Amino acid sequence: VKTAVAAPKAAPLKAPTYAEIEPLLVKNTCTACHQASKRQVGP
């Protein structure tokens, strides 16, 4: 990992794919109550 040079302005956050976001959803227990397109405990 190379040390990144600070950019003058942060670029807009690009939306991750489901494959990229799934580990974060599982780690933070979001999938316990929510699914992508189906109502579960939460919307």
All heavy atoms as atom14 arrays in JSON, in Angstrom:
{
  "sequence": "VKTAVAAPKAAPLKAPTYAEIEPLLVKNTCTACHQASKRQVGP",
  "atom14_mask": [
    [1, 1, 1, 1, 1, 1, 1, 0, 0, 0, 0, 0, 0, 0],
    [1, 1, 1, 1, 1, 1, 1, 1, 1, 0, 0, 0, 0, 0],
    [1, 1, 1, 1, 1, 1, 1, 0, 0, 0, 0, 0, 0, 0],
    [1, 1, 1, 1, 1, 0, 0, 0, 0, 0, 0, 0, 0, 0],
    [1, 1, 1, 1, 1, 1, 1, 0, 0, 0, 0, 0, 0, 0],
    [1, 1, 1, 1, 1, 0, 0, 0, 0, 0, 0, 0, 0, 0],
    [1, 1, 1, 1, 1, 0, 0, 0, 0, 0, 0, 0, 0, 0],
    [1, 1, 1, 1, 1, 1, 1, 0, 0, 0, 0, 0, 0, 0],
    [1, 1, 1, 1, 1, 1, 1, 1, 1, 0, 0, 0, 0, 0],
    [1, 1, 1, 1, 1, 0, 0, 0, 0, 0, 0, 0, 0, 0],
    [1, 1, 1, 1, 1, 0, 0, 0, 0, 0, 0, 0, 0, 0],
    [1, 1, 1, 1, 1, 1, 1, 0, 0, 0, 0, 0, 0, 0],
    [1, 1, 1, 1, 1, 1, 1, 1, 0, 0, 0, 0, 0, 0],
    [1, 1, 1, 1, 1, 1, 1, 1, 1, 0, 0, 0, 0, 0],
    [1, 1, 1, 1, 1, 0, 0, 0, 0, 0, 0, 0, 0, 0],
    [1, 1, 1, 1, 1, 1, 1, 0, 0, 0, 0, 0, 0, 0],
    [1, 1, 1, 1, 1, 1, 1, 0, 0, 0, 0, 0, 0, 0],
    [1, 1, 1, 1, 1, 1, 1, 1, 1, 1, 1, 1, 0, 0],
    [1, 1, 1, 1, 1, 0, 0, 0, 0, 0, 0, 0, 0, 0],
    [1, 1, 1, 1, 1, 1, 1, 1, 1, 0, 0, 0, 0, 0],
    [1, 1, 1, 1, 1, 1, 1, 1, 0, 0, 0, 0, 0, 0],
    [1, 1, 1, 1, 1, 1, 1, 1, 1, 0, 0, 0, 0, 0],
    [1, 1, 1, 1, 1, 1, 1, 0, 0, 0, 0, 0, 0, 0],
    [1, 1, 1, 1, 1, 1, 1, 1, 0, 0, 0, 0, 0, 0],
    [1, 1, 1, 1, 1, 1, 1, 1, 0, 0, 0, 0, 0, 0],
    [1, 1, 1, 1, 1, 1, 1, 0, 0, 0, 0, 0, 0, 0],
    [1, 1, 1, 1, 1, 1, 1, 1, 1, 0, 0, 0, 0, 0],
    [1, 1, 1, 1, 1, 1, 1, 1, 0, 0, 0, 0, 0, 0],
    [1, 1, 1, 1, 1, 1, 1, 0, 0, 0, 0, 0, 0, 0],
    [1, 1, 1, 1, 1, 1, 0, 0, 0, 0, 0, 0, 0, 0],
    [1, 1, 1, 1, 1, 1, 1, 0, 0, 0, 0, 0, 0, 0],
    [1, 1, 1, 1, 1, 0, 0, 0, 0, 0, 0, 0, 0, 0],
    [1, 1, 1, 1, 1, 1, 0, 0, 0, 0, 0, 0, 0, 0],
    [1, 1, 1, 1, 1, 1, 1, 1, 1, 1, 0, 0, 0, 0],
    [1, 1, 1, 1, 1, 1, 1, 1, 1, 0, 0, 0, 0, 0],
    [1, 1, 1, 1, 1, 0, 0, 0, 0, 0, 0, 0, 0, 0],
    [1, 1, 1, 1, 1, 1, 0, 0, 0, 0, 0, 0, 0, 0],
    [1, 1, 1, 1, 1, 1, 1, 1, 1, 0, 0, 0, 0, 0],
    [1, 1, 1, 1, 1, 1, 1, 1, 1, 1, 1, 0, 0, 0],
    [1, 1, 1, 1, 1, 1, 1, 1, 1, 0, 0, 0, 0, 0],
    [1, 1, 1, 1, 1, 1, 1, 0, 0, 0, 0, 0, 0, 0],
    [1, 1, 1, 1, 0, 0, 0, 0, 0, 0, 0, 0, 0, 0],
    [1, 1, 1, 1, 1, 1, 1, 0, 0, 0, 0, 0, 0, 0]
  ],
  "atom14_positions": [
    [[0.84, -1.19, 0.0], [0.0, 0.0, 0.0], [0.88, 1.24, 0.0], [1.71, 1.42, 0.89], [-0.93, 0.02, 1.23], [-1.79, 1.27, 1.22], [-1.8, -1.23, 1.25], [0.0, 0.0, 0.0], [0.0, 0.0, 0.0], [0.0, 0.0, 0.0], [0.0, 0.0, 0.0], [0.0, 0.0, 0.0], [0.0, 0.0, 0.0], [0.0, 0.0, 0.0]],
    [[0.74, 2.06, -1.03], [1.5, 3.28, -1.12], [0.77, 4.41, -0.43], [-0.46, 4.47, -0.45], [1.75, 3.65, -2.59], [2.58, 2.62, -3.35], [2.8, 3.05, -4.78], [3.65, 2.04, -5.53], [3.87, 2.44, -6.95], [0.0, 0.0, 0.0], [0.0, 0.0, 0.0], [0.0, 0.0, 0.0], [0.0, 0.0, 0.0], [0.0, 0.0, 0.0]],
    [[1.53, 5.3, 0.16], [0.93, 6.45, 0.81], [0.32, 7.36, -0.24], [0.99, 7.8, -1.18], [1.98, 7.24, 1.61], [2.58, 6.34, 2.54], [1.33, 8.4, 2.34], [0.0, 0.0, 0.0], [0.0, 0.0, 0.0], [0.0, 0.0, 0.0], [0.0, 0.0, 0.0], [0.0, 0.0, 0.0], [0.0, 0.0, 0.0], [0.0, 0.0, 0.0]],
    [[-0.95, 7.61, -0.12], [-1.65, 8.43, -1.12], [-1.34, 9.9, -0.9], [-1.22, 10.37, 0.23], [-3.15, 8.18, -1.03], [0.0, 0.0, 0.0], [0.0, 0.0, 0.0], [0.0, 0.0, 0.0], [0.0, 0.0, 0.0], [0.0, 0.0, 0.0], [0.0, 0.0, 0.0], [0.0, 0.0, 0.0], [0.0, 0.0, 0.0], [0.0, 0.0, 0.0]],
    [[-1.23, 10.61, -2.01], [-1.04, 12.06, -1.95], [-2.4, 12.71, -1.74], [-3.37, 12.37, -2.42], [-0.4, 12.59, -3.25], [-0.25, 14.1, -3.19], [0.94, 11.92, -3.47], [0.0, 0.0, 0.0], [0.0, 0.0, 0.0], [0.0, 0.0, 0.0], [0.0, 0.0, 0.0], [0.0, 0.0, 0.0], [0.0, 0.0, 0.0], [0.0, 0.0, 0.0]],
    [[-2.49, 13.58, -0.79], [-3.77, 14.21, -0.48], [-4.32, 14.96, -1.68], [-3.62, 15.78, -2.3], [-3.58, 15.17, 0.69], [0.0, 0.0, 0.0], [0.0, 0.0, 0.0], [0.0, 0.0, 0.0], [0.0, 0.0, 0.0], [0.0, 0.0, 0.0], [0.0, 0.0, 0.0], [0.0, 0.0, 0.0], [0.0, 0.0, 0.0], [0.0, 0.0, 0.0]],
    [[-5.55, 14.68, -2.04], [-6.19, 15.37, -3.16], [-6.73, 16.7, -2.69], [-7.13, 16.85, -1.54], [-7.33, 14.5, -3.7], [0.0, 0.0, 0.0], [0.0, 0.0, 0.0], [0.0, 0.0, 0.0], [0.0, 0.0, 0.0], [0.0, 0.0, 0.0], [0.0, 0.0, 0.0], [0.0, 0.0, 0.0], [0.0, 0.0, 0.0], [0.0, 0.0, 0.0]],
    [[-6.75, 17.68, -3.58], [-7.25, 18.99, -3.17], [-8.72, 18.96, -2.79], [-9.18, 19.72, -1.96], [-7.01, 19.86, -4.4], [-6.89, 18.9, -5.54], [-6.27, 17.68, -4.96], [0.0, 0.0, 0.0], [0.0, 0.0, 0.0], [0.0, 0.0, 0.0], [0.0, 0.0, 0.0], [0.0, 0.0, 0.0], [0.0, 0.0, 0.0], [0.0, 0.0, 0.0]],
    [[-9.47, 18.02, -3.37], [-10.9, 17.95, -3.08], [-11.35, 16.51, -3.19], [-10.99, 15.81, -4.14], [-11.69, 18.83, -4.06], [-13.16, 18.94, -3.71], [-13.87, 19.88, -4.67], [-15.35, 19.99, -4.32], [-16.07, 20.91, -5.24], [0.0, 0.0, 0.0], [0.0, 0.0, 0.0], [0.0, 0.0, 0.0], [0.0, 0.0, 0.0], [0.0, 0.0, 0.0]],
    [[-12.12, 16.07, -2.23], [-12.58, 14.67, -2.23], [-13.54, 14.43, -3.37], [-14.44, 15.24, -3.63], [-13.27, 14.36, -0.91], [0.0, 0.0, 0.0], [0.0, 0.0, 0.0], [0.0, 0.0, 0.0], [0.0, 0.0, 0.0], [0.0, 0.0, 0.0], [0.0, 0.0, 0.0], [0.0, 0.0, 0.0], [0.0, 0.0, 0.0], [0.0, 0.0, 0.0]],
    [[-13.34, 13.32, -4.08], [-14.24, 12.96, -5.17], [-15.54, 12.42, -4.6], [-15.56, 11.88, -3.49], [-13.57, 11.9, -6.05], [0.0, 0.0, 0.0], [0.0, 0.0, 0.0], [0.0, 0.0, 0.0], [0.0, 0.0, 0.0], [0.0, 0.0, 0.0], [0.0, 0.0, 0.0], [0.0, 0.0, 0.0], [0.0, 0.0, 0.0], [0.0, 0.0, 0.0]],
    [[-16.64, 12.54, -5.33], [-17.91, 12.0, -4.85], [-17.8, 10.5, -4.6], [-17.1, 9.79, -5.33], [-18.89, 12.3, -6.0], [-18.24, 13.4, -6.78], [-16.77, 13.21, -6.63], [0.0, 0.0, 0.0], [0.0, 0.0, 0.0], [0.0, 0.0, 0.0], [0.0, 0.0, 0.0], [0.0, 0.0, 0.0], [0.0, 0.0, 0.0], [0.0, 0.0, 0.0]],
    [[-18.45, 10.03, -3.54], [-18.39, 8.62, -3.17], [-19.11, 7.78, -4.21], [-20.3, 7.98, -4.47], [-19.02, 8.41, -1.8], [-18.97, 6.99, -1.25], [-17.52, 6.56, -1.04], [-19.74, 6.9, 0.06], [0.0, 0.0, 0.0], [0.0, 0.0, 0.0], [0.0, 0.0, 0.0], [0.0, 0.0, 0.0], [0.0, 0.0, 0.0], [0.0, 0.0, 0.0]],
    [[-18.37, 6.86, -4.83], [-18.95, 5.98, -5.82], [-19.7, 4.85, -5.13], [-19.2, 4.26, -4.16], [-17.85, 5.41, -6.72], [-18.37, 4.49, -7.82], [-17.22, 3.94, -8.64], [-17.73, 2.96, -9.69], [-16.61, 2.38, -10.47], [0.0, 0.0, 0.0], [0.0, 0.0, 0.0], [0.0, 0.0, 0.0], [0.0, 0.0, 0.0], [0.0, 0.0, 0.0]],
    [[-20.89, 4.56, -5.62], [-21.7, 3.51, -5.0], [-21.02, 2.16, -5.2], [-20.69, 1.78, -6.33], [-23.1, 3.5, -5.59], [0.0, 0.0, 0.0], [0.0, 0.0, 0.0], [0.0, 0.0, 0.0], [0.0, 0.0, 0.0], [0.0, 0.0, 0.0], [0.0, 0.0, 0.0], [0.0, 0.0, 0.0], [0.0, 0.0, 0.0], [0.0, 0.0, 0.0]],
    [[-20.79, 1.4, -4.12], [-20.19, 0.06, -4.27], [-21.2, -0.92, -4.83], [-22.42, -0.71, -4.8], [-19.8, -0.3, -2.83], [-20.72, 0.51, -1.97], [-21.02, 1.77, -2.73], [0.0, 0.0, 0.0], [0.0, 0.0, 0.0], [0.0, 0.0, 0.0], [0.0, 0.0, 0.0], [0.0, 0.0, 0.0], [0.0, 0.0, 0.0], [0.0, 0.0, 0.0]],
    [[-20.7, -2.04, -5.36], [-21.57, -3.12, -5.81], [-22.02, -3.93, -4.6], [-21.48, -3.78, -3.49], [-20.81, -4.04, -6.77], [-19.73, -4.66, -6.06], [-20.24, -3.25, -7.95], [0.0, 0.0, 0.0], [0.0, 0.0, 0.0], [0.0, 0.0, 0.0], [0.0, 0.0, 0.0], [0.0, 0.0, 0.0], [0.0, 0.0, 0.0], [0.0, 0.0, 0.0]],
    [[-23.0, -4.81, -4.82], [-23.45, -5.64, -3.71], [-22.33, -6.54, -3.2], [-22.17, -6.75, -1.99], [-24.65, -6.5, -4.11], [-25.15, -7.34, -2.95], [-25.86, -6.75, -1.9], [-24.87, -8.7, -2.86], [-26.28, -7.48, -0.81], [-25.3, -9.45, -1.78], [-26.0, -8.84, -0.76], [-26.41, -9.57, 0.31], [0.0, 0.0, 0.0], [0.0, 0.0, 0.0]],
    [[-21.52, -7.09, -4.15], [-20.42, -7.94, -3.74], [-19.44, -7.19, -2.85], [-18.87, -7.75, -1.91], [-19.69, -8.48, -4.98], [0.0, 0.0, 0.0], [0.0, 0.0, 0.0], [0.0, 0.0, 0.0], [0.0, 0.0, 0.0], [0.0, 0.0, 0.0], [0.0, 0.0, 0.0], [0.0, 0.0, 0.0], [0.0, 0.0, 0.0], [0.0, 0.0, 0.0]],
    [[-19.26, -5.91, -3.13], [-18.35, -5.1, -2.32], [-18.95, -4.73, -0.97], [-18.26, -4.62, 0.03], [-17.98, -3.82, -3.08], [-17.14, -4.07, -4.33], [-17.0, -2.85, -5.21], [-17.9, -1.96, -5.17], [-16.0, -2.75, -5.94], [0.0, 0.0, 0.0], [0.0, 0.0, 0.0], [0.0, 0.0, 0.0], [0.0, 0.0, 0.0], [0.0, 0.0, 0.0]],
    [[-20.28, -4.49, -0.94], [-20.91, -4.0, 0.28], [-21.37, -5.14, 1.19], [-21.54, -4.93, 2.41], [-22.11, -3.09, -0.06], [-22.38, -2.12, 1.1], [-23.36, -3.89, -0.36], [-21.3, -1.12, 1.34], [0.0, 0.0, 0.0], [0.0, 0.0, 0.0], [0.0, 0.0, 0.0], [0.0, 0.0, 0.0], [0.0, 0.0, 0.0], [0.0, 0.0, 0.0]],
    [[-21.57, -6.35, 0.66], [-22.11, -7.44, 1.48], [-21.29, -7.7, 2.74], [-21.87, -7.88, 3.82], [-22.22, -8.72, 0.65], [-22.85, -9.87, 1.44], [-22.9, -11.17, 0.67], [-22.1, -11.32, -0.28], [-23.72, -12.03, 1.02], [0.0, 0.0, 0.0], [0.0, 0.0, 0.0], [0.0, 0.0, 0.0], [0.0, 0.0, 0.0], [0.0, 0.0, 0.0]],
    [[-19.93, -7.74, 2.68], [-19.19, -7.97, 3.92], [-19.46, -6.91, 4.99], [-19.5, -7.23, 6.18], [-17.72, -7.92, 3.46], [-17.76, -8.26, 2.01], [-19.04, -7.67, 1.51], [0.0, 0.0, 0.0], [0.0, 0.0, 0.0], [0.0, 0.0, 0.0], [0.0, 0.0, 0.0], [0.0, 0.0, 0.0], [0.0, 0.0, 0.0], [0.0, 0.0, 0.0]],
    [[-19.68, -5.66, 4.6], [-19.99, -4.61, 5.58], [-21.39, -4.79, 6.15], [-21.62, -4.56, 7.33], [-19.87, -3.23, 4.93], [-18.47, -2.79, 4.5], [-18.49, -1.35, 4.0], [-17.48, -2.93, 5.65], [0.0, 0.0, 0.0], [0.0, 0.0, 0.0], [0.0, 0.0, 0.0], [0.0, 0.0, 0.0], [0.0, 0.0, 0.0], [0.0, 0.0, 0.0]],
    [[-22.34, -5.21, 5.31], [-23.7, -5.44, 5.79], [-23.73, -6.58, 6.8], [-24.42, -6.51, 7.82], [-24.63, -5.77, 4.62], [-24.83, -4.67, 3.57], [-25.71, -5.19, 2.43], [-25.46, -3.43, 4.18], [0.0, 0.0, 0.0], [0.0, 0.0, 0.0], [0.0, 0.0, 0.0], [0.0, 0.0, 0.0], [0.0, 0.0, 0.0], [0.0, 0.0, 0.0]],
    [[-22.96, -7.64, 6.52], [-22.91, -8.79, 7.43], [-22.17, -8.41, 8.71], [-22.64, -8.68, 9.83], [-22.24, -9.99, 6.74], [-22.01, -11.12, 7.74], [-23.1, -10.47, 5.58], [0.0, 0.0, 0.0], [0.0, 0.0, 0.0], [0.0, 0.0, 0.0], [0.0, 0.0, 0.0], [0.0, 0.0, 0.0], [0.0, 0.0, 0.0], [0.0, 0.0, 0.0]],
    [[-21.01, -7.76, 8.57], [-20.21, -7.39, 9.72], [-20.99, -6.52, 10.7], [-20.91, -6.69, 11.92], [-18.95, -6.65, 9.25], [-18.15, -5.99, 10.37], [-17.05, -5.12, 9.81], [-16.38, -4.32, 10.92], [-15.38, -3.38, 10.42], [0.0, 0.0, 0.0], [0.0, 0.0, 0.0], [0.0, 0.0, 0.0], [0.0, 0.0, 0.0], [0.0, 0.0, 0.0]],
    [[-21.76, -5.57, 10.17], [-22.49, -4.63, 11.03], [-23.91, -5.08, 11.31], [-24.74, -4.3, 11.8], [-22.49, -3.25, 10.38], [-21.11, -2.62, 10.37], [-20.54, -2.35, 11.42], [-20.54, -2.42, 9.19], [0.0, 0.0, 0.0], [0.0, 0.0, 0.0], [0.0, 0.0, 0.0], [0.0, 0.0, 0.0], [0.0, 0.0, 0.0], [0.0, 0.0, 0.0]],
    [[-24.21, -6.36, 11.02], [-25.48, -7.03, 11.32], [-26.68, -6.41, 10.63], [-27.82, -6.6, 11.06], [-25.74, -7.13, 12.84], [-26.03, -5.84, 13.38], [-24.54, -7.72, 13.57], [0.0, 0.0, 0.0], [0.0, 0.0, 0.0], [0.0, 0.0, 0.0], [0.0, 0.0, 0.0], [0.0, 0.0, 0.0], [0.0, 0.0, 0.0], [0.0, 0.0, 0.0]],
    [[-26.47, -5.67, 9.54], [-27.6, -5.06, 8.81], [-28.52, -6.13, 8.22], [-29.75, -5.95, 8.17], [-27.09, -4.15, 7.7], [-25.92, -2.9, 8.24], [0.0, 0.0, 0.0], [0.0, 0.0, 0.0], [0.0, 0.0, 0.0], [0.0, 0.0, 0.0], [0.0, 0.0, 0.0], [0.0, 0.0, 0.0], [0.0, 0.0, 0.0], [0.0, 0.0, 0.0]],
    [[-27.93, -7.24, 7.73], [-28.72, -8.27, 7.08], [-29.58, -9.07, 8.05], [-30.39, -9.89, 7.63], [-27.8, -9.23, 6.32], [-26.77, -9.68, 7.2], [-27.15, -8.53, 5.13], [0.0, 0.0, 0.0], [0.0, 0.0, 0.0], [0.0, 0.0, 0.0], [0.0, 0.0, 0.0], [0.0, 0.0, 0.0], [0.0, 0.0, 0.0], [0.0, 0.0, 0.0]],
    [[-29.39, -8.84, 9.34], [-30.24, -9.52, 10.32], [-31.69, -9.07, 10.2], [-32.62, -9.84, 10.45], [-29.73, -9.26, 11.72], [0.0, 0.0, 0.0], [0.0, 0.0, 0.0], [0.0, 0.0, 0.0], [0.0, 0.0, 0.0], [0.0, 0.0, 0.0], [0.0, 0.0, 0.0], [0.0, 0.0, 0.0], [0.0, 0.0, 0.0], [0.0, 0.0, 0.0]],
    [[-31.88, -7.81, 9.84], [-33.23, -7.25, 9.81], [-33.65, -6.71, 8.45], [-34.81, -6.35, 8.27], [-33.35, -6.11, 10.84], [-33.09, -6.64, 12.54], [0.0, 0.0, 0.0], [0.0, 0.0, 0.0], [0.0, 0.0, 0.0], [0.0, 0.0, 0.0], [0.0, 0.0, 0.0], [0.0, 0.0, 0.0], [0.0, 0.0, 0.0], [0.0, 0.0, 0.0]],
    [[-32.71, -6.62, 7.51], [-33.03, -6.01, 6.2], [-32.51, -6.88, 5.07], [-31.44, -7.48, 5.18], [-32.39, -4.62, 6.08], [-32.77, -3.67, 7.18], [-33.92, -2.91, 7.16], [-32.15, -3.36, 8.34], [-33.99, -2.18, 8.25], [-32.93, -2.44, 9.0], [0.0, 0.0, 0.0], [0.0, 0.0, 0.0], [0.0, 0.0, 0.0], [0.0, 0.0, 0.0]],
    [[-33.26, -6.92, 3.99], [-32.82, -7.54, 2.74], [-32.86, -6.5, 1.64], [-33.46, -5.42, 1.8], [-33.69, -8.74, 2.38], [-33.61, -9.87, 3.39], [-34.37, -11.09, 2.93], [-34.58, -11.31, 1.73], [-34.81, -11.92, 3.88], [0.0, 0.0, 0.0], [0.0, 0.0, 0.0], [0.0, 0.0, 0.0], [0.0, 0.0, 0.0], [0.0, 0.0, 0.0]],
    [[-32.25, -6.82, 0.51], [-32.16, -5.83, -0.57], [-33.53, -5.41, -1.09], [-33.84, -4.22, -1.19], [-31.3, -6.38, -1.7], [0.0, 0.0, 0.0], [0.0, 0.0, 0.0], [0.0, 0.0, 0.0], [0.0, 0.0, 0.0], [0.0, 0.0, 0.0], [0.0, 0.0, 0.0], [0.0, 0.0, 0.0], [0.0, 0.0, 0.0], [0.0, 0.0, 0.0]],
    [[-34.38, -6.39, -1.39], [-35.66, -6.05, -2.03], [-36.87, -6.63, -1.34], [-38.0, -6.43, -1.79], [-35.64, -6.52, -3.49], [-35.39, -7.91, -3.56], [0.0, 0.0, 0.0], [0.0, 0.0, 0.0], [0.0, 0.0, 0.0], [0.0, 0.0, 0.0], [0.0, 0.0, 0.0], [0.0, 0.0, 0.0], [0.0, 0.0, 0.0], [0.0, 0.0, 0.0]],
    [[-36.67, -7.34, -0.21], [-37.78, -7.99, 0.47], [-37.89, -7.48, 1.9], [-36.89, -7.35, 2.6], [-37.56, -9.51, 0.48], [-38.65, -10.3, 1.21], [-38.28, -11.77, 1.24], [-39.27, -12.58, 2.07], [-38.9, -14.01, 2.18], [0.0, 0.0, 0.0], [0.0, 0.0, 0.0], [0.0, 0.0, 0.0], [0.0, 0.0, 0.0], [0.0, 0.0, 0.0]],
    [[-39.1, -7.16, 2.33], [-39.33, -6.76, 3.72], [-39.04, -7.92, 4.65], [-39.45, -9.05, 4.4], [-40.77, -6.29, 3.88], [-41.19, -6.09, 5.33], [-42.6, -5.57, 5.43], [-43.06, -5.6, 6.81], [-44.16, -5.01, 7.26], [-44.9, -4.3, 6.43], [-44.51, -5.1, 8.52], [0.0, 0.0, 0.0], [0.0, 0.0, 0.0], [0.0, 0.0, 0.0]],
    [[-38.3, -7.66, 5.73], [-38.06, -8.68, 6.75], [-38.5, -8.1, 8.09], [-39.65, -7.7, 8.24], [-36.59, -9.11, 6.76], [-36.34, -10.39, 7.56], [-34.96, -10.96, 7.35], [-34.71, -11.55, 6.31], [-34.08, -10.79, 8.29], [0.0, 0.0, 0.0], [0.0, 0.0, 0.0], [0.0, 0.0, 0.0], [0.0, 0.0, 0.0], [0.0, 0.0, 0.0]],
    [[-37.61, -8.02, 9.07], [-37.96, -7.35, 10.32], [-38.13, -5.86, 10.06], [-39.03, -5.21, 10.57], [-36.87, -7.6, 11.38], [-37.16, -6.82, 12.65], [-36.8, -9.09, 11.7], [0.0, 0.0, 0.0], [0.0, 0.0, 0.0], [0.0, 0.0, 0.0], [0.0, 0.0, 0.0], [0.0, 0.0, 0.0], [0.0, 0.0, 0.0], [0.0, 0.0, 0.0]],
    [[-37.22, -5.32, 9.26], [-37.28, -3.91, 8.87], [-37.56, -3.78, 7.38], [-37.68, -4.78, 6.66], [0.0, 0.0, 0.0], [0.0, 0.0, 0.0], [0.0, 0.0, 0.0], [0.0, 0.0, 0.0], [0.0, 0.0, 0.0], [0.0, 0.0, 0.0], [0.0, 0.0, 0.0], [0.0, 0.0, 0.0], [0.0, 0.0, 0.0], [0.0, 0.0, 0.0]],
    [[-37.66, -2.55, 6.88], [-37.96, -2.35, 5.46], [-36.82, -2.84, 4.57], [-35.66, -2.91, 4.99], [-38.13, -0.83, 5.35], [-37.34, -0.28, 6.49], [-37.49, -1.27, 7.6], [0.0, 0.0, 0.0], [0.0, 0.0, 0.0], [0.0, 0.0, 0.0], [0.0, 0.0, 0.0], [0.0, 0.0, 0.0], [0.0, 0.0, 0.0], [0.0, 0.0, 0.0]]
  ]
}
